[in-house]
PDB file of N, CA and C in Angstrom:
ATOM      1  N   ILE A   1      22.126  19.552 -16.028  1.00  0.00           N
ATOM      2  CA  ILE A   1      20.969  20.098 -15.568  1.00  0.00           C
ATOM      3  C   ILE A   1      20.956  21.517 -16.614  1.00  0.00           C
ATOM      4  N   ASP A   2      19.526  21.637 -17.286  1.00  0.00           N
ATOM      5  CA  ASP A   2      19.743  22.745 -18.288  1.00  0.00           C
ATOM      6  C   ASP A   2      18.482  23.613 -18.045  1.00  0.00           C
ATOM      7  N   ASP A   3      18.592  24.927 -18.641  1.00  0.00           N
ATOM      8  CA  ASP A   3      17.536  25.666 -18.279  1.00  0.00           C
ATOM      9  C   ASP A   3      16.637  25.280 -19.404  1.00  0.00           C
ATOM     10  N   MET A   4      15.235  24.663 -18.820  1.00  0.00           N
ATOM     11  CA  MET A   4      14.376  24.249 -19.914  1.00  0.00           C
ATOM     12  C   MET A   4      13.819  25.507 -20.467  1.00  0.00           C
ATOM     13  N   LEU A   5      13.438  26.486 -19.952  1.00  0.00           N
ATOM     14  CA  LEU A   5      12.822  27.688 -20.782  1.00  0.00           C
ATOM     15  C   LEU A   5      13.819  27.931 -22.035  1.00  0.00           C
ATOM     16  N   LYS A   6      15.049  28.050 -21.917  1.00  0.00           N
ATOM     17  CA  LYS A   6      15.914  28.495 -22.803  1.00  0.00           C
ATOM     18  C   LYS A   6      15.992  27.553 -23.990  1.00  0.00           C
ATOM     19  N   ASN A   7      15.695  26.333 -23.648  1.00  0.00           N
ATOM     20  CA  ASN A   7      15.379  25.260 -24.773  1.00  0.00           C
ATOM     21  C   ASN A   7      13.847  25.029 -25.272  1.00  0.00           C
ATOM     22  N   ASN A   8      13.094  25.827 -24.677  1.00  0.00           N
ATOM     23  CA  ASN A   8      11.648  26.093 -25.259  1.00  0.00           C
ATOM     24  C   ASN A   8      10.973  24.663 -24.879  1.00  0.00           C
ATOM     25  N   VAL A   9      11.310  24.219 -23.819  1.00  0.00           N
ATOM     26  CA  VAL A   9      10.787  23.083 -23.128  1.00  0.00           C
ATOM     27  C   VAL A   9       9.695  23.602 -21.991  1.00  0.00           C
ATOM     28  N   ILE A  10       8.426  23.601 -22.297  1.00  0.00           N
ATOM     29  CA  ILE A  10       7.630  24.478 -21.222  1.00  0.00           C
ATOM     30  C   ILE A  10       6.396  23.177 -20.882  1.00  0.00           C
ATOM     31  N   GLU A  11       6.216  22.927 -19.481  1.00  0.00           N
ATOM     32  CA  GLU A  11       5.196  22.089 -19.347  1.00  0.00           C
ATOM     33  C   GLU A  11       3.885  22.588 -18.944  1.00  0.00           C
ATOM     34  N   PRO A  12       2.718  22.366 -19.389  1.00  0.00           N
ATOM     35  CA  PRO A  12       1.558  23.111 -19.206  1.00  0.00           C
ATOM     36  C   PRO A  12       1.220  22.960 -17.775  1.00  0.00           C
ATOM     37  N   LEU A  13       0.545  24.160 -17.241  1.00  0.00           N
ATOM     38  CA  LEU A  13       0.209  23.996 -15.700  1.00  0.00           C
ATOM     39  C   LEU A  13      -0.618  23.018 -15.579  1.00  0.00           C
ATOM     40  N   ARG A  14      -1.767  22.608 -16.344  1.00  0.00           N
ATOM     41  CA  ARG A  14      -2.509  21.484 -16.195  1.00  0.00           C
ATOM     42  C   ARG A  14      -1.805  20.269 -15.876  1.00  0.00           C
ATOM     43  N   VAL A  15      -0.755  20.061 -16.715  1.00  0.00           N
ATOM     44  CA  VAL A  15       0.071  18.757 -16.471  1.00  0.00           C
ATOM     45  C   VAL A  15       0.531  18.701 -15.041  1.00  0.00           C
ATOM     46  N   SER A  16       1.216  19.788 -14.562  1.00  0.00           N
ATOM     47  CA  SER A  16       1.654  19.891 -13.033  1.00  0.00           C
ATOM     48  C   SER A  16       0.855  19.597 -12.032  1.00  0.00           C
ATOM     49  N   MET A  17      -0.453  20.240 -12.310  1.00  0.00           N
ATOM     50  CA  MET A  17      -1.307  20.279 -11.346  1.00  0.00           C
ATOM     51  C   MET A  17      -2.080  18.726 -11.184  1.00  0.00           C
ATOM     52  N   GLN A  18      -2.293  18.119 -12.337  1.00  0.00           N
ATOM     53  CA  GLN A  18      -2.802  16.799 -12.500  1.00  0.00           C
ATOM     54  C   GLN A  18      -1.648  15.664 -11.628  1.00  0.00           C
ATOM     55  N   GLU A  19      -0.348  15.908 -11.795  1.00  0.00           N
ATOM     56  CA  GLU A  19       0.565  15.321 -11.258  1.00  0.00           C
ATOM     57  C   GLU A  19       0.715  15.674  -9.696  1.00  0.00           C
ATOM     58  N   ILE A  20       0.403  16.676  -9.322  1.00  0.00           N
ATOM     59  CA  ILE A  20       0.254  16.946  -7.788  1.00  0.00           C
ATOM     60  C   ILE A  20      -1.097  16.369  -7.259  1.00  0.00           C
ATOM     61  N   GLN A  21      -1.920  16.540  -8.094  1.00  0.00           N
ATOM     62  CA  GLN A  21      -3.256  15.617  -7.601  1.00  0.00           C
ATOM     63  C   GLN A  21      -3.109  14.354  -7.196  1.00  0.00           C
ATOM     64  N   ALA A  22      -2.477  13.743  -8.525  1.00  0.00           N
ATOM     65  CA  ALA A  22      -2.211  12.485  -8.238  1.00  0.00           C
ATOM     66  C   ALA A  22      -1.624  11.629  -7.291  1.00  0.00           C
ATOM     67  N   SER A  23      -0.523  12.558  -7.128  1.00  0.00           N
ATOM     68  CA  SER A  23       0.439  11.979  -5.821  1.00  0.00           C
ATOM     69  C   SER A  23      -0.014  12.231  -4.705  1.00  0.00           C
ATOM     70  N   SER A  24      -0.772  13.380  -4.530  1.00  0.00           N
ATOM     71  CA  SER A  24      -1.632  13.592  -3.252  1.00  0.00           C
ATOM     72  C   SER A  24      -2.634  12.535  -2.786  1.00  0.00           C
ATOM     73  N   GLU A  25      -3.303  12.043  -3.896  1.00  0.00           N
ATOM     74  CA  GLU A  25      -4.352  10.977  -3.695  1.00  0.00           C
ATOM     75  C   GLU A  25      -3.683   9.637  -3.421  1.00  0.00           C
ATOM     76  N   ALA A  26      -2.557   9.423  -4.213  1.00  0.00           N
ATOM     77  CA  ALA A  26      -1.698   8.410  -3.690  1.00  0.00           C
ATOM     78  C   ALA A  26      -1.236   8.237  -2.334  1.00  0.00           C
ATOM     79  N   ALA A  27      -0.762   9.387  -1.650  1.00  0.00           N
ATOM     80  CA  ALA A  27      -0.474   9.561  -0.356  1.00  0.00           C
ATOM     81  C   ALA A  27      -1.648   9.199   0.517  1.00  0.00           C
ATOM     82  N   THR A  28      -2.757   9.882   0.135  1.00  0.00           N
ATOM     83  CA  THR A  28      -3.745   9.468   0.883  1.00  0.00           C
ATOM     84  C   THR A  28      -4.253   8.157   1.069  1.00  0.00           C
ATOM     85  N   MET A  29      -4.268   7.461  -0.152  1.00  0.00           N
ATOM     86  CA  MET A  29      -4.754   6.118   0.112  1.00  0.00           C
ATOM     87  C   MET A  29      -3.773   5.223   0.955  1.00  0.00           C
ATOM     88  N   ILE A  30      -2.474   5.534   0.893  1.00  0.00           N
ATOM     89  CA  ILE A  30      -1.528   4.816   1.517  1.00  0.00           C
ATOM     90  C   ILE A  30      -1.781   4.976   3.040  1.00  0.00           C
ATOM     91  N   LEU A  31      -1.919   6.349   3.577  1.00  0.00           N
ATOM     92  CA  LEU A  31      -2.305   6.612   4.926  1.00  0.00           C
ATOM     93  C   LEU A  31      -3.670   6.023   5.338  1.00  0.00           C
ATOM     94  N   ARG A  32      -4.734   5.905   4.477  1.00  0.00           N
ATOM     95  CA  ARG A  32      -5.850   5.219   4.743  1.00  0.00           C
ATOM     96  C   ARG A  32      -5.706   3.756   4.918  1.00  0.00           C
ATOM     97  N   ILE A  33      -4.924   3.074   4.245  1.00  0.00           N
ATOM     98  CA  ILE A  33      -4.667   1.633   4.169  1.00  0.00           C
ATOM     99  C   ILE A  33      -3.893   1.393   5.463  1.00  0.00           C
ATOM    100  N   ASP A  34      -2.860   2.345   5.946  1.00  0.00           N
ATOM    101  CA  ASP A  34      -2.068   2.296   7.117  1.00  0.00           C
ATOM    102  C   ASP A  34      -2.975   2.269   8.385  1.00  0.00           C
ATOM    103  N   ASP A  35      -3.893   3.271   8.356  1.00  0.00           N
ATOM    104  CA  ASP A  35      -4.903   3.480   9.457  1.00  0.00           C
ATOM    105  C   ASP A  35      -5.717   2.047   9.742  1.00  0.00           C
ATOM    106  N   VAL A  36      -6.257   1.656   8.440  1.00  0.00           N
ATOM    107  CA  VAL A  36      -6.918   0.319   8.621  1.00  0.00           C
ATOM    108  C   VAL A  36      -6.222  -0.750   9.394  1.00  0.00           C
ATOM    109  N   ILE A  37      -5.224  -0.918   8.847  1.00  0.00           N
ATOM    110  CA  ILE A  37      -4.258  -2.041   9.402  1.00  0.00           C
ATOM    111  C   ILE A  37      -4.101  -1.845  10.924  1.00  0.00           C
ATOM    112  N   ALA A  38      -3.730  -0.588  11.205  1.00  0.00           N
ATOM    113  CA  ALA A  38      -3.414  -0.110  12.745  1.00  0.00           C
ATOM    114  C   ALA A  38      -4.587  -0.319  13.374  1.00  0.00           C
ATOM    115  N   SER A  39      -5.908  -0.135  13.110  1.00  0.00           N
ATOM    116  CA  SER A  39      -7.133   0.037  13.782  1.00  0.00           C
ATOM    117  C   SER A  39      -7.595  -1.667  13.981  1.00  0.00           C
ATOM    118  N   LYS A  40      -7.180  -2.510  13.290  1.00  0.00           N
ATOM    119  CA  LYS A  40      -7.559  -3.858  13.356  1.00  0.00           C
ATOM    120  C   LYS A  40      -6.750  -4.488  14.597  1.00  0.00           C
ATOM    121  N   GLY A  41      -5.544  -3.901  15.065  1.00  0.00           N
ATOM    122  CA  GLY A  41      -4.864  -4.366  16.200  1.00  0.00           C
ATOM    123  C   GLY A  41      -4.754  -5.663  16.548  1.00  0.00           C
ATOM    124  N   GLY A  42      -4.115  -6.226  17.561  1.00  0.00           N
ATOM    125  CA  GLY A  42      -4.211  -7.631  17.890  1.00  0.00           C
ATOM    126  C   GLY A  42      -3.353  -8.557  16.792  1.00  0.00           C
ATOM    127  N   GLY A  43      -3.685  -9.804  16.649  1.00  0.00           N
ATOM    128  CA  GLY A  43      -2.987 -10.491  15.461  1.00  0.00           C
ATOM    129  C   GLY A  43      -1.601 -10.594  15.659  1.00  0.00           C
ATOM    130  N   SER A  44      -0.872 -10.822  14.741  1.00  0.00           N
ATOM    131  CA  SER A  44       0.608 -11.033  14.681  1.00  0.00           C
ATOM    132  C   SER A  44       1.058  -9.868  14.678  1.00  0.00           C
ATOM    133  N   SER A  45       2.660  -9.837  15.109  1.00  0.00           N
ATOM    134  CA  SER A  45       3.365  -8.759  15.166  1.00  0.00           C
ATOM    135  C   SER A  45       3.602  -8.219  13.865  1.00  0.00           C
ATOM    136  N   PRO A  46       3.803  -6.728  13.634  1.00  0.00           N
ATOM    137  CA  PRO A  46       4.083  -6.123  12.284  1.00  0.00           C
ATOM    138  C   PRO A  46       5.186  -6.807  11.680  1.00  0.00           C
ATOM    139  N   GLY A  47       4.796  -7.289  10.405  1.00  0.00           N
ATOM    140  CA  GLY A  47       5.783  -7.903   9.383  1.00  0.00           C
ATOM    141  C   GLY A  47       5.848  -9.093   9.534  1.00  0.00           C
ATOM    142  N   GLY A  48       5.076  -9.876  10.546  1.00  0.00           N
ATOM    143  CA  GLY A  48       5.245 -11.356  10.878  1.00  0.00           C
ATOM    144  C   GLY A  48       4.325 -12.027  10.115  1.00  0.00           C
ATOM    145  N   ALA A  49       4.445 -13.374   9.716  1.00  0.00           N
ATOM    146  CA  ALA A  49       3.628 -13.990   9.004  1.00  0.00           C
ATOM    147  C   ALA A  49       2.527 -14.460   9.789  1.00  0.00           C
ATOM    148  N   GLY A  50       1.128 -14.354   9.262  1.00  0.00           N
ATOM    149  CA  GLY A  50       0.145 -14.675  10.038  1.00  0.00           C
ATOM    150  C   GLY A  50       0.081 -16.330  10.257  1.00  0.00           C
ATOM    151  N   GLY A  51       0.802 -17.076   9.545  1.00  0.00           N
ATOM    152  CA  GLY A  51       0.640 -18.417   9.871  1.00  0.00           C
ATOM    153  C   GLY A  51      -0.716 -19.179   9.295  1.00  0.00           C
ATOM    154  N   MET A  52      -0.831 -20.366   9.273  1.00  0.00           N
ATOM    155  CA  MET A  52      -1.993 -21.070   8.721  1.00  0.00           C
ATOM    156  C   MET A  52      -2.991 -21.337   9.854  1.00  0.00           C
ATOM    157  N   PRO A  53      -4.235 -21.114   9.652  1.00  0.00           N
ATOM    158  CA  PRO A  53      -5.171 -21.418  10.552  1.00  0.00           C
ATOM    159  C   PRO A  53      -5.501 -23.117  10.779  1.00  0.00           C
ATOM    160  N   GLY A  54      -5.882 -23.386  11.888  1.00  0.00           N
ATOM    161  CA  GLY A  54      -5.992 -24.822  12.468  1.00  0.00           C
ATOM    162  C   GLY A  54      -5.836 -25.903  11.274  1.00  0.00           C
ATOM    163  N   GLY A  55      -5.738 -27.167  11.539  1.00  0.00           N
ATOM    164  CA  GLY A  55      -5.544 -27.919  10.511  1.00  0.00           C
ATOM    165  C   GLY A  55      -6.888 -28.631  10.185  1.00  0.00           C
ATOM    166  N   ALA A  56      -7.094 -29.486   9.228  1.00  0.00           N
ATOM    167  CA  ALA A  56      -8.118 -29.991   8.589  1.00  0.00           C
ATOM    168  C   ALA A  56      -8.562 -31.389   9.319  1.00  0.00           C
ATOM    169  N   GLY A  57      -7.636 -31.763  10.565  1.00  0.00           N
ATOM    170  CA  GLY A  57      -7.987 -32.814  11.277  1.00  0.00           C
ATOM    171  C   GLY A  57      -7.591 -34.177  10.746  1.00  0.00           C
ATOM    172  N   GLY A  58      -7.729 -35.273  11.368  1.00  0.00           N
ATOM    173  CA  GLY A  58      -7.174 -36.557  10.962  1.00  0.00           C
ATOM    174  C   GLY A  58      -8.506 -37.393  10.279  1.00  0.00           C
ATOM    175  N   MET A  59      -8.457 -38.643   9.828  1.00  0.00           N
ATOM    176  CA  MET A  59      -9.284 -39.447   9.580  1.00  0.00           C
ATOM    177  C   MET A  59      -9.855 -40.330  10.597  1.00  0.00           C
ATOM    178  N   GLY A  60     -11.192 -40.422  10.629  1.00  0.00           N
ATOM    179  CA  GLY A  60     -11.798 -40.955  11.876  1.00  0.00           C
ATOM    180  C   GLY A  60     -11.465 -42.449  11.849  1.00  0.00           C
ATOM    181  N   GLY A  61     -11.362 -42.779  13.122  1.00  0.00           N
ATOM    182  CA  GLY A  61     -11.023 -44.210  13.559  1.00  0.00           C
ATOM    183  C   GLY A  61      -9.692 -44.347  13.397  1.00  0.00           C
ATOM    184  N   MET A  62      -8.653 -43.462  13.290  1.00  0.00           N
ATOM    185  CA  MET A  62      -7.229 -43.847  13.120  1.00  0.00           C
ATOM    186  C   MET A  62      -6.737 -43.585  14.426  1.00  0.00           C
ATOM    187  N   GLU A  63      -5.929 -44.239  15.069  1.00  0.00           N
ATOM    188  CA  GLU A  63      -5.182 -43.990  16.082  1.00  0.00           C
ATOM    189  C   GLU A  63      -4.136 -43.154  16.135  1.00  0.00           C
ATOM    190  N   TYR A  64      -3.522 -42.214  16.805  1.00  0.00           N
ATOM    191  CA  TYR A  64      -2.351 -41.353  16.532  1.00  0.00           C
ATOM    192  C   TYR A  64      -1.214 -41.698  17.575  1.00  0.00           C
TER     193      TYR A  64
END
């Protein structure tokens, strides 16, 4: 780790502000998606596969 100011490496404030804003927006979107998933409720257990919906049925006139 080195002193960036001593090495004349200076990051503009605008870049830092943009990074903070972008990361805040990403965190907000993740929380919103989590809320949407939680509000749906019911269904399968968390992390579980949803499975396939009912089958297409058999061919008419055939005995099973």
